[in-house]
Amino acid sequence: MPAKLQAKARELLEELRAVLGKNSLLDTVLPPALFLVVNGIAGFNAAMIAALGAAAVIALLRLRRGQSLLYALGGMASVGLAIGLALLLGRSEGFFLPGILNGALMLALALVSLALRKPMVAWTSFLARRWPLEWYWHSRVRPAYTEVTVAWAAFFALRLSWQVALFQGQATERLALANALTGWPATLVLLVASYLYGTWRLGTLHGPSVEEFRSGAPAPWQGQRRGF
């Protein structure tokens, strides 16, 4: 692999770690996968026990690694809510309803942020990196975050429409597959694409870098060369 590609790959991995932090794939992948498999083999009640047990094991692993109790309990709480909704509805696909509702909320937030001209992707970057918030609203910076937020809104809309159709059709297996495909795999692809496009777009806008903005450096600027 050429040196430039190796450097870019390392940069992407480092940036993903910075954005994702301590989030774990196990929290969102293992409990739903176990629920689906056990539900098909041993029934609804056994599936609920398996999913909750998986969440409890993940929580214990987090505590042993010295991670925050909030992280440990968060996964169990989300699985518990999913099980509660499945019991309330009397339908196994109700287990996936919290994910559908979360997707609807994300779409609404993206659309509202675009209407307010404060794109959601800028806020997520700010929370992860703590760069000056005013930098994101600079006229030669904001368009990059606006365009990426539009792409994310389109993704949320397509995913939500697919999930709702499967939920209404009571297609539990296909709904679980849709959740798996549009969960972490699609999210990681979107994060990589967003970073590559975003850093390129910042370069074409010729705006100030974060450090140039902080120091009040006048134009012309070198621009933000790494990070989005």
Protein backbone atom coordinates (compact mmCIF):
# COMPACT_ATOMS: atom_id res chain seq x y z
CA MET A 1 0.00 0.00 0.00
CA PRO A 2 1.42 3.44 -0.93
CA ALA A 3 2.67 5.59 1.94
CA LYS A 4 -0.02 8.23 1.37
CA LEU A 5 -2.78 5.64 1.58
CA GLN A 6 -1.27 4.14 4.73
CA ALA A 7 -1.10 7.60 6.31
CA LYS A 8 -4.71 8.31 5.35
CA ALA A 9 -5.85 4.95 6.74
CA ARG A 10 -4.10 5.65 10.06
CA GLU A 11 -5.64 9.11 10.13
CA LEU A 12 -9.12 7.68 9.59
CA LEU A 13 -8.67 5.11 12.36
CA GLU A 14 -7.45 7.77 14.79
CA GLU A 15 -10.31 10.09 13.90
CA LEU A 16 -12.89 7.32 14.29
CA ARG A 17 -11.52 6.52 17.74
CA ALA A 18 -11.75 10.20 18.68
CA VAL A 19 -15.37 10.44 17.51
CA LEU A 20 -16.62 7.07 18.78
CA GLY A 21 -14.81 7.25 22.10
CA LYS A 22 -15.82 4.39 24.39
CA ASN A 23 -18.88 3.34 22.43
CA SER A 24 -18.94 -0.40 21.90
CA LEU A 25 -20.31 -2.42 19.01
CA LEU A 26 -21.33 -5.13 21.46
CA ASP A 27 -23.96 -2.91 23.08
CA THR A 28 -25.95 -2.55 19.87
CA VAL A 29 -25.07 -5.76 18.02
CA LEU A 30 -25.01 -8.66 20.49
CA PRO A 31 -28.35 -8.33 22.37
CA PRO A 32 -30.50 -7.89 19.21
CA ALA A 33 -28.65 -10.71 17.44
CA LEU A 34 -29.20 -13.07 20.36
CA PHE A 35 -32.85 -12.02 20.59
CA LEU A 36 -33.41 -12.87 16.94
CA VAL A 37 -31.63 -16.25 17.05
CA VAL A 38 -33.16 -17.44 20.33
CA ASN A 39 -36.63 -16.19 19.35
CA GLY A 40 -36.52 -18.41 16.28
CA ILE A 41 -35.28 -21.45 18.24
CA ALA A 42 -36.84 -21.29 21.71
CA GLY A 43 -39.53 -18.61 21.57
CA PHE A 44 -40.18 -15.08 22.74
CA ASN A 45 -39.62 -15.51 26.51
CA ALA A 46 -36.27 -17.26 26.06
CA ALA A 47 -35.21 -14.57 23.59
CA MET A 48 -35.92 -11.83 26.13
CA ILE A 49 -33.88 -13.60 28.80
CA ALA A 50 -30.98 -14.12 26.37
CA ALA A 51 -30.92 -10.48 25.28
CA LEU A 52 -31.07 -9.17 28.82
CA GLY A 53 -28.38 -11.64 29.91
CA ALA A 54 -26.11 -10.47 27.09
CA ALA A 55 -26.62 -6.85 28.15
CA ALA A 56 -25.76 -7.78 31.75
CA VAL A 57 -22.54 -9.55 30.68
CA ILE A 58 -21.50 -6.53 28.60
CA ALA A 59 -22.19 -4.27 31.57
CA LEU A 60 -19.98 -6.42 33.83
CA LEU A 61 -17.20 -6.36 31.23
CA ARG A 62 -17.41 -2.57 31.10
CA LEU A 63 -17.16 -2.33 34.89
CA ARG A 64 -14.16 -4.69 34.97
CA ARG A 65 -12.42 -2.45 32.43
CA GLY A 66 -12.97 0.53 34.70
CA GLN A 67 -15.45 2.27 32.41
CA SER A 68 -18.16 4.54 33.74
CA LEU A 69 -21.18 2.99 35.45
CA LEU A 70 -23.27 5.11 33.08
CA TYR A 71 -21.92 3.15 30.10
CA ALA A 72 -22.52 -0.14 31.90
CA LEU A 73 -26.12 0.62 32.81
CA GLY A 74 -26.98 2.34 29.54
CA GLY A 75 -26.89 -0.84 27.51
CA MET A 76 -29.01 -2.75 30.03
CA ALA A 77 -31.53 0.08 30.18
CA SER A 78 -31.94 0.15 26.39
CA VAL A 79 -32.43 -3.61 26.22
CA GLY A 80 -34.85 -3.46 29.14
CA LEU A 81 -36.89 -0.79 27.36
CA ALA A 82 -36.94 -2.84 24.18
CA ILE A 83 -38.18 -5.91 26.08
CA GLY A 84 -40.81 -3.84 27.89
CA LEU A 85 -42.19 -2.50 24.60
CA ALA A 86 -42.21 -5.99 23.07
CA LEU A 87 -44.22 -7.27 26.04
CA LEU A 88 -46.57 -4.30 25.93
CA LEU A 89 -47.29 -4.74 22.24
CA GLY A 90 -47.33 -8.53 22.42
CA ARG A 91 -45.20 -8.62 19.25
CA SER A 92 -41.60 -9.74 19.00
CA GLU A 93 -40.80 -6.99 16.50
CA GLY A 94 -41.62 -4.52 19.27
CA PHE A 95 -38.10 -5.26 20.54
CA PHE A 96 -36.79 -3.10 17.69
CA LEU A 97 -39.21 -0.21 18.27
CA PRO A 98 -36.78 1.89 20.39
CA GLY A 99 -34.31 1.83 17.50
CA ILE A 100 -37.01 2.99 15.10
CA LEU A 101 -38.05 5.80 17.44
CA ASN A 102 -34.42 6.82 17.88
CA GLY A 103 -34.02 6.96 14.11
CA ALA A 104 -37.09 9.17 13.82
CA LEU A 105 -35.67 11.49 16.48
CA MET A 106 -32.33 11.71 14.67
CA LEU A 107 -34.07 12.59 11.41
CA ALA A 108 -36.11 15.30 13.15
CA LEU A 109 -32.99 16.76 14.79
CA ALA A 110 -31.15 16.80 11.47
CA LEU A 111 -33.99 18.59 9.71
CA VAL A 112 -34.47 21.12 12.50
CA SER A 113 -30.74 21.84 12.64
CA LEU A 114 -30.72 22.48 8.89
CA ALA A 115 -33.73 24.80 9.16
CA LEU A 116 -31.95 26.75 11.91
CA ARG A 117 -28.71 26.80 9.86
CA LYS A 118 -26.89 25.08 12.72
CA PRO A 119 -26.18 21.67 11.11
CA MET A 120 -26.31 18.63 13.35
CA VAL A 121 -22.96 17.24 12.18
CA ALA A 122 -21.30 20.43 13.43
CA TRP A 123 -22.78 19.81 16.88
CA THR A 124 -21.62 16.19 16.96
CA SER A 125 -18.12 17.31 15.95
CA PHE A 126 -18.16 19.99 18.62
CA LEU A 127 -19.17 17.50 21.33
CA ALA A 128 -16.42 15.08 20.29
CA ARG A 129 -13.61 17.61 19.69
CA ARG A 130 -14.54 20.70 21.71
CA TRP A 131 -13.37 23.05 18.98
CA PRO A 132 -14.72 26.64 19.25
CA LEU A 133 -18.41 26.51 18.45
CA GLU A 134 -18.24 29.82 16.59
CA TRP A 135 -15.75 28.28 14.14
CA TYR A 136 -18.41 25.91 12.84
CA TRP A 137 -20.68 28.85 11.94
CA HIS A 138 -18.01 30.65 9.89
CA SER A 139 -19.28 31.35 6.37
CA ARG A 140 -16.39 29.34 4.88
CA VAL A 141 -16.80 26.41 7.25
CA ARG A 142 -20.53 25.90 7.80
CA PRO A 143 -21.35 24.80 4.20
CA ALA A 144 -19.24 21.65 4.62
CA TYR A 145 -21.14 20.63 7.75
CA THR A 146 -24.47 21.56 6.16
CA GLU A 147 -23.86 19.34 3.14
CA VAL A 148 -22.80 16.37 5.26
CA THR A 149 -25.85 16.85 7.50
CA VAL A 150 -28.09 16.73 4.40
CA ALA A 151 -26.52 13.38 3.51
CA TRP A 152 -27.11 12.09 7.04
CA ALA A 153 -30.73 13.27 6.95
CA ALA A 154 -31.26 11.37 3.70
CA PHE A 155 -29.78 8.24 5.28
CA PHE A 156 -32.00 8.58 8.36
CA ALA A 157 -35.09 9.04 6.16
CA LEU A 158 -34.37 6.00 4.00
CA ARG A 159 -33.59 3.81 7.00
CA LEU A 160 -36.71 4.92 8.86
CA SER A 161 -39.03 4.28 5.92
CA TRP A 162 -37.57 0.78 5.49
CA GLN A 163 -37.86 -0.06 9.19
CA VAL A 164 -41.42 1.25 9.51
CA ALA A 165 -42.55 -0.79 6.51
CA LEU A 166 -41.06 -3.96 7.99
CA PHE A 167 -42.47 -3.21 11.44
CA GLN A 168 -45.96 -2.72 10.06
CA GLY A 169 -45.63 -5.96 8.11
CA GLN A 170 -44.56 -7.80 11.30
CA ALA A 171 -41.47 -9.08 9.50
CA THR A 172 -39.29 -9.69 12.56
CA GLU A 173 -36.41 -11.46 10.82
CA ARG A 174 -36.16 -8.90 8.01
CA LEU A 175 -36.49 -6.06 10.50
CA ALA A 176 -33.59 -7.46 12.51
CA LEU A 177 -31.53 -7.77 9.33
CA ALA A 178 -32.39 -4.20 8.34
CA ASN A 179 -31.35 -2.97 11.78
CA ALA A 180 -28.07 -4.85 11.54
CA LEU A 181 -27.23 -3.58 8.06
CA THR A 182 -28.19 0.02 8.74
CA GLY A 183 -26.66 0.04 12.22
CA TRP A 184 -22.92 0.00 12.82
CA PRO A 185 -21.86 -1.19 9.34
CA ALA A 186 -23.69 1.66 7.58
CA THR A 187 -22.75 4.14 10.32
CA LEU A 188 -19.05 3.38 9.96
CA VAL A 189 -19.27 3.79 6.18
CA LEU A 190 -21.07 7.10 6.63
CA LEU A 191 -18.52 8.32 9.16
CA VAL A 192 -15.64 7.54 6.82
CA ALA A 193 -17.40 9.09 3.82
CA SER A 194 -18.37 12.15 5.88
CA TYR A 195 -14.81 12.64 7.04
CA LEU A 196 -13.30 12.27 3.57
CA TYR A 197 -15.85 14.56 1.95
CA GLY A 198 -15.89 17.02 4.82
CA THR A 199 -12.13 17.53 4.94
CA TRP A 200 -12.04 17.89 1.15
CA ARG A 201 -14.92 20.39 1.23
CA LEU A 202 -13.25 22.48 3.93
CA GLY A 203 -10.25 22.71 1.64
CA THR A 204 -12.34 23.98 -1.26
CA LEU A 205 -14.01 26.60 0.95
CA HIS A 206 -10.62 28.13 1.87
CA GLY A 207 -11.78 28.98 5.37
CA PRO A 208 -9.65 29.26 8.51
CA SER A 209 -8.40 26.26 10.42
CA VAL A 210 -9.40 25.90 14.05
CA GLU A 211 -6.04 27.25 15.20
CA GLU A 212 -6.18 30.14 12.70
CA PHE A 213 -9.66 30.98 13.94
CA ARG A 214 -8.54 30.88 17.57
CA SER A 215 -5.59 33.16 16.90
CA GLY A 216 -7.60 35.54 14.75
CA ALA A 217 -5.25 35.10 11.79
CA PRO A 218 -6.29 37.10 8.71
CA ALA A 219 -7.01 35.62 5.28
CA PRO A 220 -5.68 33.96 3.22
CA TRP A 221 -5.83 30.89 5.44
CA GLN A 222 -4.15 27.51 5.16
CA GLY A 223 -7.40 25.90 6.25
CA GLN A 224 -8.27 22.83 8.32
CA ARG A 225 -6.06 20.00 7.08
CA ARG A 226 -7.12 17.29 9.50
CA GLY A 227 -10.28 16.62 11.49
CA PHE A 228 -13.90 17.35 10.69
